[in-house]
PDB file of all heavy atoms in Angstrom:
ATOM      1  N   LEU A   1      19.472  14.420   2.225  1.00  0.00           N
ATOM      2  CA  LEU A   1      19.954  14.207   3.584  1.00  0.00           C
ATOM      3  C   LEU A   1      18.885  13.582   4.469  1.00  0.00           C
ATOM      4  O   LEU A   1      19.184  12.648   5.243  1.00  0.00           O
ATOM      5  CB  LEU A   1      20.413  15.526   4.227  1.00  0.00           C
ATOM      6  CG  LEU A   1      21.627  16.194   3.610  1.00  0.00           C
ATOM      7  CD1 LEU A   1      21.816  17.609   4.252  1.00  0.00           C
ATOM      8  CD2 LEU A   1      22.850  15.315   3.987  1.00  0.00           C
ATOM      9  N   HIS A   2      17.650  13.992   4.335  1.00  0.00           N
ATOM     10  CA  HIS A   2      16.584  13.414   5.187  1.00  0.00           C
ATOM     11  C   HIS A   2      16.236  12.046   4.742  1.00  0.00           C
ATOM     12  O   HIS A   2      15.989  11.132   5.574  1.00  0.00           O
ATOM     13  CB  HIS A   2      15.351  14.361   5.097  1.00  0.00           C
ATOM     14  CG  HIS A   2      15.464  15.553   5.930  1.00  0.00           C
ATOM     15  ND1 HIS A   2      15.559  15.501   7.297  1.00  0.00           N
ATOM     16  CD2 HIS A   2      15.549  16.851   5.570  1.00  0.00           C
ATOM     17  CE1 HIS A   2      15.603  16.742   7.755  1.00  0.00           C
ATOM     18  NE2 HIS A   2      15.626  17.614   6.723  1.00  0.00           N
ATOM     19  N   ILE A   3      16.271  11.718   3.505  1.00  0.00           N
ATOM     20  CA  ILE A   3      16.112  10.365   2.997  1.00  0.00           C
ATOM     21  C   ILE A   3      17.232   9.456   3.446  1.00  0.00           C
ATOM     22  O   ILE A   3      16.902   8.316   3.938  1.00  0.00           O
ATOM     23  CB  ILE A   3      15.992  10.317   1.430  1.00  0.00           C
ATOM     24  CG1 ILE A   3      14.753  11.049   0.983  1.00  0.00           C
ATOM     25  CG2 ILE A   3      15.938   8.887   0.984  1.00  0.00           C
ATOM     26  CD1 ILE A   3      14.630  11.237  -0.522  1.00  0.00           C
ATOM     27  N   SER A   4      18.404   9.875   3.426  1.00  0.00           N
ATOM     28  CA  SER A   4      19.487   9.112   3.927  1.00  0.00           C
ATOM     29  C   SER A   4      19.351   8.794   5.401  1.00  0.00           C
ATOM     30  O   SER A   4      19.628   7.719   5.890  1.00  0.00           O
ATOM     31  CB  SER A   4      20.814   9.841   3.693  1.00  0.00           C
ATOM     32  OG  SER A   4      21.024   9.908   2.246  1.00  0.00           O
ATOM     33  N   ALA A   5      18.934   9.788   6.198  1.00  0.00           N
ATOM     34  CA  ALA A   5      18.732   9.612   7.599  1.00  0.00           C
ATOM     35  C   ALA A   5      17.625   8.583   7.844  1.00  0.00           C
ATOM     36  O   ALA A   5      17.769   7.715   8.812  1.00  0.00           O
ATOM     37  CB  ALA A   5      18.312  10.968   8.249  1.00  0.00           C
ATOM     38  N   ALA A   6      16.529   8.625   7.062  1.00  0.00           N
ATOM     39  CA  ALA A   6      15.464   7.679   7.219  1.00  0.00           C
ATOM     40  C   ALA A   6      15.947   6.214   6.843  1.00  0.00           C
ATOM     41  O   ALA A   6      15.695   5.267   7.612  1.00  0.00           O
ATOM     42  CB  ALA A   6      14.303   7.956   6.317  1.00  0.00           C
ATOM     43  N   VAL A   7      16.743   6.089   5.817  1.00  0.00           N
ATOM     44  CA  VAL A   7      17.257   4.784   5.447  1.00  0.00           C
ATOM     45  C   VAL A   7      18.158   4.229   6.539  1.00  0.00           C
ATOM     46  O   VAL A   7      18.112   3.035   6.929  1.00  0.00           O
ATOM     47  CB  VAL A   7      18.057   4.856   4.104  1.00  0.00           C
ATOM     48  CG1 VAL A   7      18.900   3.643   3.810  1.00  0.00           C
ATOM     49  CG2 VAL A   7      17.117   5.192   2.958  1.00  0.00           C
ATOM     50  N   THR A   8      18.998   5.111   7.120  1.00  0.00           N
ATOM     51  CA  THR A   8      19.979   4.638   8.168  1.00  0.00           C
ATOM     52  C   THR A   8      19.230   4.145   9.401  1.00  0.00           C
ATOM     53  O   THR A   8      19.713   3.178  10.101  1.00  0.00           O
ATOM     54  CB  THR A   8      20.832   5.858   8.643  1.00  0.00           C
ATOM     55  OG1 THR A   8      21.583   6.351   7.423  1.00  0.00           O
ATOM     56  CG2 THR A   8      21.814   5.469   9.734  1.00  0.00           C
ATOM     57  N   LEU A   9      18.044   4.686   9.641  1.00  0.00           N
ATOM     58  CA  LEU A   9      17.311   4.218  10.786  1.00  0.00           C
ATOM     59  C   LEU A   9      16.541   2.962  10.471  1.00  0.00           C
ATOM     60  O   LEU A   9      16.480   2.020  11.308  1.00  0.00           O
ATOM     61  CB  LEU A   9      16.284   5.320  11.206  1.00  0.00           C
ATOM     62  CG  LEU A   9      16.906   6.559  11.903  1.00  0.00           C
ATOM     63  CD1 LEU A   9      15.938   7.681  11.930  1.00  0.00           C
ATOM     64  CD2 LEU A   9      17.322   6.192  13.355  1.00  0.00           C
ATOM     65  N   VAL A  10      15.800   2.955   9.360  1.00  0.00           N
ATOM     66  CA  VAL A  10      14.769   1.883   9.092  1.00  0.00           C
ATOM     67  C   VAL A  10      15.389   0.640   8.580  1.00  0.00           C
ATOM     68  O   VAL A  10      14.908  -0.482   8.901  1.00  0.00           O
ATOM     69  CB  VAL A  10      13.648   2.384   8.200  1.00  0.00           C
ATOM     70  CG1 VAL A  10      14.138   2.534   6.730  1.00  0.00           C
ATOM     71  CG2 VAL A  10      12.392   1.487   8.335  1.00  0.00           C
ATOM     72  N   GLU A  11      16.392   0.695   7.756  1.00  0.00           N
ATOM     73  CA  GLU A  11      16.896  -0.567   7.126  1.00  0.00           C
ATOM     74  C   GLU A  11      17.505  -1.566   8.171  1.00  0.00           C
ATOM     75  O   GLU A  11      17.195  -2.695   8.118  1.00  0.00           O
ATOM     76  CB  GLU A  11      17.925  -0.286   6.029  1.00  0.00           C
ATOM     77  CG  GLU A  11      17.196   0.208   4.773  1.00  0.00           C
ATOM     78  CD  GLU A  11      18.114   0.281   3.526  1.00  0.00           C
ATOM     79  OE1 GLU A  11      19.393   0.192   3.717  1.00  0.00           O
ATOM     80  OE2 GLU A  11      17.623   0.407   2.450  1.00  0.00           O
ATOM     81  N   PRO A  12      18.366  -1.027   9.105  1.00  0.00           N
ATOM     82  CA  PRO A  12      18.883  -2.002  10.133  1.00  0.00           C
ATOM     83  C   PRO A  12      17.721  -2.544  11.024  1.00  0.00           C
ATOM     84  O   PRO A  12      17.790  -3.776  11.391  1.00  0.00           O
ATOM     85  CB  PRO A  12      19.840  -1.164  10.922  1.00  0.00           C
ATOM     86  CG  PRO A  12      20.217  -0.004  10.086  1.00  0.00           C
ATOM     87  CD  PRO A  12      18.938   0.262   9.247  1.00  0.00           C
ATOM     88  N   ALA A  13      16.750  -1.706  11.305  1.00  0.00           N
ATOM     89  CA  ALA A  13      15.654  -2.228  12.152  1.00  0.00           C
ATOM     90  C   ALA A  13      14.881  -3.284  11.390  1.00  0.00           C
ATOM     91  O   ALA A  13      14.436  -4.284  12.026  1.00  0.00           O
ATOM     92  CB  ALA A  13      14.700  -1.014  12.481  1.00  0.00           C
ATOM     93  N   TRP A  14      14.652  -3.066  10.109  1.00  0.00           N
ATOM     94  CA  TRP A  14      13.918  -4.062   9.357  1.00  0.00           C
ATOM     95  C   TRP A  14      14.795  -5.390   9.266  1.00  0.00           C
ATOM     96  O   TRP A  14      14.138  -6.488   9.295  1.00  0.00           O
ATOM     97  CB  TRP A  14      13.616  -3.519   7.904  1.00  0.00           C
ATOM     98  CG  TRP A  14      13.142  -4.529   6.967  1.00  0.00           C
ATOM     99  CD1 TRP A  14      13.727  -5.084   5.909  1.00  0.00           C
ATOM    100  CD2 TRP A  14      11.747  -5.063   6.949  1.00  0.00           C
ATOM    101  NE1 TRP A  14      12.915  -5.892   5.239  1.00  0.00           N
ATOM    102  CE2 TRP A  14      11.688  -5.964   5.824  1.00  0.00           C
ATOM    103  CE3 TRP A  14      10.608  -4.891   7.750  1.00  0.00           C
ATOM    104  CZ2 TRP A  14      10.490  -6.692   5.549  1.00  0.00           C
ATOM    105  CZ3 TRP A  14       9.532  -5.608   7.482  1.00  0.00           C
ATOM    106  CH2 TRP A  14       9.442  -6.494   6.370  1.00  0.00           C
ATOM    107  N   GLN A  15      16.027  -5.305   9.092  1.00  0.00           N
ATOM    108  CA  GLN A  15      16.877  -6.460   8.928  1.00  0.00           C
ATOM    109  C   GLN A  15      16.838  -7.238  10.336  1.00  0.00           C
ATOM    110  O   GLN A  15      16.829  -8.443  10.310  1.00  0.00           O
ATOM    111  CB  GLN A  15      18.278  -6.117   8.607  1.00  0.00           C
ATOM    112  CG  GLN A  15      18.442  -5.564   7.179  1.00  0.00           C
ATOM    113  CD  GLN A  15      18.033  -6.609   6.083  1.00  0.00           C
ATOM    114  OE1 GLN A  15      18.238  -7.781   6.263  1.00  0.00           O
ATOM    115  NE2 GLN A  15      17.402  -6.086   5.060  1.00  0.00           N
ATOM    116  N   ALA A  16      16.839  -6.494  11.396  1.00  0.00           N
ATOM    117  CA  ALA A  16      16.790  -7.114  12.755  1.00  0.00           C
ATOM    118  C   ALA A  16      15.476  -7.771  13.029  1.00  0.00           C
ATOM    119  O   ALA A  16      15.397  -8.810  13.722  1.00  0.00           O
ATOM    120  CB  ALA A  16      17.169  -6.119  13.807  1.00  0.00           C
ATOM    121  N   LYS A  17      14.358  -7.122  12.625  1.00  0.00           N
ATOM    122  CA  LYS A  17      13.067  -7.654  12.973  1.00  0.00           C
ATOM    123  C   LYS A  17      12.063  -7.174  11.983  1.00  0.00           C
ATOM    124  O   LYS A  17      11.793  -5.941  11.889  1.00  0.00           O
ATOM    125  CB  LYS A  17      12.744  -7.135  14.427  1.00  0.00           C
ATOM    126  CG  LYS A  17      11.366  -7.626  14.896  1.00  0.00           C
ATOM    127  CD  LYS A  17      10.947  -6.920  16.193  1.00  0.00           C
ATOM    128  CE  LYS A  17      10.835  -5.418  15.966  1.00  0.00           C
ATOM    129  NZ  LYS A  17      10.431  -4.728  17.204  1.00  0.00           N
ATOM    130  N   GLN A  18      11.451  -8.126  11.260  1.00  0.00           N
ATOM    131  CA  GLN A  18      10.502  -7.754  10.248  1.00  0.00           C
ATOM    132  C   GLN A  18       9.061  -7.855  10.791  1.00  0.00           C
ATOM    133  O   GLN A  18       8.630  -8.883  11.103  1.00  0.00           O
ATOM    134  CB  GLN A  18      10.667  -8.635   8.980  1.00  0.00           C
ATOM    135  CG  GLN A  18      12.046  -8.497   8.401  1.00  0.00           C
ATOM    136  CD  GLN A  18      12.201  -9.370   7.107  1.00  0.00           C
ATOM    137  OE1 GLN A  18      11.237  -9.961   6.591  1.00  0.00           O
ATOM    138  NE2 GLN A  18      13.383  -9.378   6.535  1.00  0.00           N
ATOM    139  N   ASN A  19       8.421  -6.659  10.924  1.00  0.00           N
ATOM    140  CA  ASN A  19       7.027  -6.642  11.381  1.00  0.00           C
ATOM    141  C   ASN A  19       6.260  -5.660  10.482  1.00  0.00           C
ATOM    142  O   ASN A  19       6.864  -4.970   9.625  1.00  0.00           O
ATOM    143  CB  ASN A  19       6.957  -6.351  12.809  1.00  0.00           C
ATOM    144  CG  ASN A  19       7.478  -4.951  13.180  1.00  0.00           C
ATOM    145  OD1 ASN A  19       7.412  -4.040  12.395  1.00  0.00           O
ATOM    146  ND2 ASN A  19       8.015  -4.880  14.358  1.00  0.00           N
ATOM    147  N   GLU A  20       4.997  -5.579  10.732  1.00  0.00           N
ATOM    148  CA  GLU A  20       4.128  -4.745   9.845  1.00  0.00           C
ATOM    149  C   GLU A  20       4.427  -3.277   9.882  1.00  0.00           C
ATOM    150  O   GLU A  20       4.468  -2.577   8.891  1.00  0.00           O
ATOM    151  CB  GLU A  20       2.642  -5.056  10.134  1.00  0.00           C
ATOM    152  CG  GLU A  20       1.667  -4.538   9.066  1.00  0.00           C
ATOM    153  CD  GLU A  20       1.845  -5.223   7.747  1.00  0.00           C
ATOM    154  OE1 GLU A  20       2.430  -6.293   7.699  1.00  0.00           O
ATOM    155  OE2 GLU A  20       1.345  -4.645   6.728  1.00  0.00           O
ATOM    156  N   ARG A  21       4.741  -2.756  11.081  1.00  0.00           N
ATOM    157  CA  ARG A  21       4.964  -1.297  11.221  1.00  0.00           C
ATOM    158  C   ARG A  21       6.236  -0.977  10.482  1.00  0.00           C
ATOM    159  O   ARG A  21       6.284   0.081   9.748  1.00  0.00           O
ATOM    160  CB  ARG A  21       5.069  -0.947  12.660  1.00  0.00           C
ATOM    161  CG  ARG A  21       3.775  -1.173  13.442  1.00  0.00           C
ATOM    162  CD  ARG A  21       3.936  -0.847  14.914  1.00  0.00           C
ATOM    163  NE  ARG A  21       4.082   0.508  15.115  1.00  0.00           N
ATOM    164  CZ  ARG A  21       4.615   1.115  16.202  1.00  0.00           C
ATOM    165  NH1 ARG A  21       5.193   0.309  17.143  1.00  0.00           N
ATOM    166  NH2 ARG A  21       4.699   2.382  16.344  1.00  0.00           N
ATOM    167  N   LEU A  22       7.270  -1.731  10.648  1.00  0.00           N
ATOM    168  CA  LEU A  22       8.561  -1.483   9.912  1.00  0.00           C
ATOM    169  C   LEU A  22       8.434  -1.706   8.438  1.00  0.00           C
ATOM    170  O   LEU A  22       9.074  -1.038   7.657  1.00  0.00           O
ATOM    171  CB  LEU A  22       9.664  -2.367  10.509  1.00  0.00           C
ATOM    172  CG  LEU A  22      10.128  -1.950  11.934  1.00  0.00           C
ATOM    173  CD1 LEU A  22      11.053  -3.041  12.531  1.00  0.00           C
ATOM    174  CD2 LEU A  22      10.788  -0.619  11.971  1.00  0.00           C
ATOM    175  N   ARG A  23       7.635  -2.665   8.051  1.00  0.00           N
ATOM    176  CA  ARG A  23       7.347  -2.884   6.627  1.00  0.00           C
ATOM    177  C   ARG A  23       6.778  -1.606   5.986  1.00  0.00           C
ATOM    178  O   ARG A  23       7.220  -1.185   4.911  1.00  0.00           O
ATOM    179  CB  ARG A  23       6.371  -4.007   6.460  1.00  0.00           C
ATOM    180  CG  ARG A  23       6.061  -4.339   4.940  1.00  0.00           C
ATOM    181  CD  ARG A  23       4.948  -5.368   4.892  1.00  0.00           C
ATOM    182  NE  ARG A  23       5.252  -6.657   5.602  1.00  0.00           N
ATOM    183  CZ  ARG A  23       5.945  -7.630   5.055  1.00  0.00           C
ATOM    184  NH1 ARG A  23       6.486  -7.523   3.802  1.00  0.00           N
ATOM    185  NH2 ARG A  23       6.191  -8.692   5.773  1.00  0.00           N
ATOM    186  N   LEU A  24       5.755  -1.049   6.588  1.00  0.00           N
ATOM    187  CA  LEU A  24       5.151   0.208   6.091  1.00  0.00           C
ATOM    188  C   LEU A  24       6.141   1.330   6.011  1.00  0.00           C
ATOM    189  O   LEU A  24       6.200   2.156   5.096  1.00  0.00           O
ATOM    190  CB  LEU A  24       3.962   0.538   6.930  1.00  0.00           C
ATOM    191  CG  LEU A  24       2.732  -0.403   6.853  1.00  0.00           C
ATOM    192  CD1 LEU A  24       1.803  -0.120   7.989  1.00  0.00           C
ATOM    193  CD2 LEU A  24       2.063  -0.341   5.468  1.00  0.00           C
ATOM    194  N   CYS A  25       6.979   1.390   7.000  1.00  0.00           N
ATOM    195  CA  CYS A  25       7.989   2.421   7.134  1.00  0.00           C
ATOM    196  C   CYS A  25       9.024   2.279   6.047  1.00  0.00           C
ATOM    197  O   CYS A  25       9.408   3.314   5.369  1.00  0.00           O
ATOM    198  CB  CYS A  25       8.646   2.367   8.531  1.00  0.00           C
ATOM    199  SG  CYS A  25       9.248   3.930   9.081  1.00  0.00           S
ATOM    200  N   LEU A  26       9.536   1.120   5.747  1.00  0.00           N
ATOM    201  CA  LEU A  26      10.463   0.779   4.739  1.00  0.00           C
ATOM    202  C   LEU A  26       9.898   1.123   3.323  1.00  0.00           C
ATOM    203  O   LEU A  26      10.546   1.714   2.500  1.00  0.00           O
ATOM    204  CB  LEU A  26      10.989  -0.566   4.868  1.00  0.00           C
ATOM    205  CG  LEU A  26      12.140  -0.990   3.870  1.00  0.00           C
ATOM    206  CD1 LEU A  26      13.309  -0.092   4.015  1.00  0.00           C
ATOM    207  CD2 LEU A  26      12.432  -2.477   4.044  1.00  0.00           C
ATOM    208  N   ALA A  27       8.649   0.705   3.142  1.00  0.00           N
ATOM    209  CA  ALA A  27       7.975   0.885   1.856  1.00  0.00           C
ATOM    210  C   ALA A  27       7.876   2.399   1.567  1.00  0.00           C
ATOM    211  O   ALA A  27       8.026   2.901   0.460  1.00  0.00           O
ATOM    212  CB  ALA A  27       6.596   0.184   1.823  1.00  0.00           C
ATOM    213  N   ALA A  28       7.477   3.132   2.602  1.00  0.00           N
ATOM    214  CA  ALA A  28       7.302   4.614   2.392  1.00  0.00           C
ATOM    215  C   ALA A  28       8.673   5.215   2.075  1.00  0.00           C
ATOM    216  O   ALA A  28       8.693   6.176   1.290  1.00  0.00           O
ATOM    217  CB  ALA A  28       6.765   5.221   3.723  1.00  0.00           C
ATOM    218  N   THR A  29       9.756   4.616   2.618  1.00  0.00           N
ATOM    219  CA  THR A  29      11.101   5.172   2.308  1.00  0.00           C
ATOM    220  C   THR A  29      11.419   4.923   0.833  1.00  0.00           C
ATOM    221  O   THR A  29      11.947   5.835   0.162  1.00  0.00           O
ATOM    222  CB  THR A  29      12.151   4.537   3.241  1.00  0.00           C
ATOM    223  OG1 THR A  29      11.769   4.748   4.567  1.00  0.00           O
ATOM    224  CG2 THR A  29      13.533   5.051   2.972  1.00  0.00           C
ATOM    225  N   HIS A  30      11.120   3.718   0.364  1.00  0.00           N
ATOM    226  CA  HIS A  30      11.314   3.368  -1.080  1.00  0.00           C
ATOM    227  C   HIS A  30      10.489   4.359  -1.973  1.00  0.00           C
ATOM    228  O   HIS A  30      11.011   4.796  -3.028  1.00  0.00           O
ATOM    229  CB  HIS A  30      10.997   1.946  -1.374  1.00  0.00           C
ATOM    230  CG  HIS A  30      11.913   0.946  -0.770  1.00  0.00           C
ATOM    231  ND1 HIS A  30      13.271   1.130  -0.766  1.00  0.00           N
ATOM    232  CD2 HIS A  30      11.712  -0.222  -0.217  1.00  0.00           C
ATOM    233  CE1 HIS A  30      13.851   0.076  -0.160  1.00  0.00           C
ATOM    234  NE2 HIS A  30      12.824  -0.767   0.190  1.00  0.00           N
ATOM    235  N   LEU A  31       9.278   4.579  -1.576  1.00  0.00           N
ATOM    236  CA  LEU A  31       8.466   5.558  -2.412  1.00  0.00           C
ATOM    237  C   LEU A  31       9.021   6.949  -2.442  1.00  0.00           C
ATOM    238  O   LEU A  31       9.048   7.616  -3.493  1.00  0.00           O
ATOM    239  CB  LEU A  31       7.039   5.512  -1.854  1.00  0.00           C
ATOM    240  CG  LEU A  31       6.208   4.335  -2.109  1.00  0.00           C
ATOM    241  CD1 LEU A  31       4.822   4.366  -1.445  1.00  0.00           C
ATOM    242  CD2 LEU A  31       6.017   4.054  -3.586  1.00  0.00           C
ATOM    243  N   LEU A  32       9.551   7.313  -1.320  1.00  0.00           N
ATOM    244  CA  LEU A  32      10.166   8.652  -1.237  1.00  0.00           C
ATOM    245  C   LEU A  32      11.492   8.685  -2.078  1.00  0.00           C
ATOM    246  O   LEU A  32      11.769   9.721  -2.688  1.00  0.00           O
ATOM    247  CB  LEU A  32      10.477   8.948   0.228  1.00  0.00           C
ATOM    248  CG  LEU A  32      10.805  10.455   0.541  1.00  0.00           C
ATOM    249  CD1 LEU A  32       9.694  11.393  -0.015  1.00  0.00           C
ATOM    250  CD2 LEU A  32      10.987  10.609   2.095  1.00  0.00           C
ATOM    251  N   GLN A  33      12.228   7.634  -2.040  1.00  0.00           N
ATOM    252  CA  GLN A  33      13.363   7.606  -2.875  1.00  0.00           C
ATOM    253  C   GLN A  33      13.050   7.700  -4.368  1.00  0.00           C
ATOM    254  O   GLN A  33      13.655   8.332  -5.130  1.00  0.00           O
ATOM    255  CB  GLN A  33      14.179   6.225  -2.668  1.00  0.00           C
ATOM    256  CG  GLN A  33      14.857   6.197  -1.319  1.00  0.00           C
ATOM    257  CD  GLN A  33      15.477   4.861  -1.008  1.00  0.00           C
ATOM    258  OE1 GLN A  33      14.794   3.798  -1.332  1.00  0.00           O
ATOM    259  NE2 GLN A  33      16.686   4.749  -0.583  1.00  0.00           N
ATOM    260  N   ALA A  34      11.840   7.124  -4.725  1.00  0.00           N
ATOM    261  CA  ALA A  34      11.378   7.199  -6.085  1.00  0.00           C
ATOM    262  C   ALA A  34      10.992   8.670  -6.442  1.00  0.00           C
ATOM    263  O   ALA A  34      11.264   9.191  -7.486  1.00  0.00           O
ATOM    264  CB  ALA A  34      10.241   6.304  -6.332  1.00  0.00           C
ATOM    265  N   ASP A  35      10.315   9.352  -5.483  1.00  0.00           N
ATOM    266  CA  ASP A  35       9.926  10.713  -5.678  1.00  0.00           C
ATOM    267  C   ASP A  35      11.190  11.613  -5.923  1.00  0.00           C
ATOM    268  O   ASP A  35      11.228  12.503  -6.799  1.00  0.00           O
ATOM    269  CB  ASP A  35       9.095  11.262  -4.478  1.00  0.00           C
ATOM    270  CG  ASP A  35       7.728  10.592  -4.442  1.00  0.00           C
ATOM    271  OD1 ASP A  35       7.305  10.062  -5.444  1.00  0.00           O
ATOM    272  OD2 ASP A  35       7.161  10.720  -3.340  1.00  0.00           O
ATOM    273  N   PHE A  36      12.197  11.321  -5.100  1.00  0.00           N
ATOM    274  CA  PHE A  36      13.412  12.064  -5.160  1.00  0.00           C
ATOM    275  C   PHE A  36      14.121  11.837  -6.592  1.00  0.00           C
ATOM    276  O   PHE A  36      14.546  12.791  -7.185  1.00  0.00           O
ATOM    277  CB  PHE A  36      14.372  11.722  -4.018  1.00  0.00           C
ATOM    278  CG  PHE A  36      15.737  12.378  -4.184  1.00  0.00           C
ATOM    279  CD1 PHE A  36      15.949  13.647  -3.722  1.00  0.00           C
ATOM    280  CD2 PHE A  36      16.795  11.621  -4.704  1.00  0.00           C
ATOM    281  CE1 PHE A  36      17.161  14.238  -3.783  1.00  0.00           C
ATOM    282  CE2 PHE A  36      18.077  12.217  -4.750  1.00  0.00           C
ATOM    283  CZ  PHE A  36      18.253  13.512  -4.377  1.00  0.00           C
ATOM    284  N   ALA A  37      14.033  10.596  -7.008  1.00  0.00           N
ATOM    285  CA  ALA A  37      14.673  10.242  -8.255  1.00  0.00           C
ATOM    286  C   ALA A  37      13.931  10.979  -9.499  1.00  0.00           C
ATOM    287  O   ALA A  37      14.588  11.429 -10.400  1.00  0.00           O
ATOM    288  CB  ALA A  37      14.738   8.739  -8.499  1.00  0.00           C
ATOM    289  N   VAL A  38      12.618  11.002  -9.401  1.00  0.00           N
ATOM    290  CA  VAL A  38      11.810  11.688 -10.435  1.00  0.00           C
ATOM    291  C   VAL A  38      12.220  13.173 -10.444  1.00  0.00           C
ATOM    292  O   VAL A  38      12.469  13.795 -11.483  1.00  0.00           O
ATOM    293  CB  VAL A  38      10.337  11.560 -10.179  1.00  0.00           C
ATOM    294  CG1 VAL A  38       9.518  12.477 -11.075  1.00  0.00           C
ATOM    295  CG2 VAL A  38       9.871  10.092 -10.328  1.00  0.00           C
ATOM    296  N   ALA A  39      12.310  13.841  -9.223  1.00  0.00           N
ATOM    297  CA  ALA A  39      12.699  15.246  -9.145  1.00  0.00           C
ATOM    298  C   ALA A  39      14.099  15.412  -9.725  1.00  0.00           C
ATOM    299  O   ALA A  39      14.430  16.541 -10.239  1.00  0.00           O
ATOM    300  CB  ALA A  39      12.536  15.675  -7.729  1.00  0.00           C
ATOM    301  N   ASN A  40      14.909  14.403  -9.592  1.00  0.00           N
ATOM    302  CA  ASN A  40      16.327  14.487 -10.050  1.00  0.00           C
ATOM    303  C   ASN A  40      16.514  14.048 -11.482  1.00  0.00           C
ATOM    304  O   ASN A  40      17.609  14.057 -11.998  1.00  0.00           O
ATOM    305  CB  ASN A  40      17.154  13.590  -9.150  1.00  0.00           C
ATOM    306  CG  ASN A  40      18.554  14.213  -8.963  1.00  0.00           C
ATOM    307  OD1 ASN A  40      18.806  15.427  -9.026  1.00  0.00           O
ATOM    308  ND2 ASN A  40      19.496  13.322  -8.530  1.00  0.00           N
ATOM    309  N   GLY A  41      15.385  13.651 -12.178  1.00  0.00           N
ATOM    310  CA  GLY A  41      15.414  13.249 -13.553  1.00  0.00           C
ATOM    311  C   GLY A  41      15.984  11.892 -13.792  1.00  0.00           C
ATOM    312  O   GLY A  41      16.365  11.551 -14.940  1.00  0.00           O
ATOM    313  N   ASP A  42      16.032  11.049 -12.730  1.00  0.00           N
ATOM    314  CA  ASP A  42      16.619   9.732 -12.869  1.00  0.00           C
ATOM    315  C   ASP A  42      15.485   8.640 -12.835  1.00  0.00           C
ATOM    316  O   ASP A  42      15.132   8.171 -11.784  1.00  0.00           O
ATOM    317  CB  ASP A  42      17.579   9.430 -11.752  1.00  0.00           C
ATOM    318  CG  ASP A  42      18.365   8.095 -11.877  1.00  0.00           C
ATOM    319  OD1 ASP A  42      17.977   7.214 -12.752  1.00  0.00           O
ATOM    320  OD2 ASP A  42      19.368   7.879 -11.112  1.00  0.00           O
ATOM    321  N   MET A  43      14.855   8.335 -13.996  1.00  0.00           N
ATOM    322  CA  MET A  43      13.724   7.479 -14.018  1.00  0.00           C
ATOM    323  C   MET A  43      14.083   6.054 -13.778  1.00  0.00           C
ATOM    324  O   MET A  43      13.188   5.269 -13.264  1.00  0.00           O
ATOM    325  CB  MET A  43      13.068   7.603 -15.396  1.00  0.00           C
ATOM    326  CG  MET A  43      12.548   8.982 -15.695  1.00  0.00           C
ATOM    327  SD  MET A  43      11.593   9.779 -14.306  1.00  0.00           S
ATOM    328  CE  MET A  43      10.322   8.520 -14.087  1.00  0.00           C
ATOM    329  N   ASN A  44      15.305   5.645 -14.064  1.00  0.00           N
ATOM    330  CA  ASN A  44      15.630   4.252 -13.689  1.00  0.00           C
ATOM    331  C   ASN A  44      15.613   4.036 -12.169  1.00  0.00           C
ATOM    332  O   ASN A  44      15.120   3.043 -11.651  1.00  0.00           O
ATOM    333  CB  ASN A  44      17.059   3.915 -14.235  1.00  0.00           C
ATOM    334  CG  ASN A  44      17.072   3.782 -15.742  1.00  0.00           C
ATOM    335  OD1 ASN A  44      16.087   3.343 -16.318  1.00  0.00           O
ATOM    336  ND2 ASN A  44      18.146   4.132 -16.389  1.00  0.00           N
TER     337      ASN A  44
END
């Protein structure tokens, strides 16, 4: 739920305006999605 909330906020902002702060925020979201996938056993 929290990852989905983060994606809902950051992806439209990144699409509207790409800057360094949003880049770091989006990258952190992708890393967190990967952590969640590992915990869920989905290595792909």
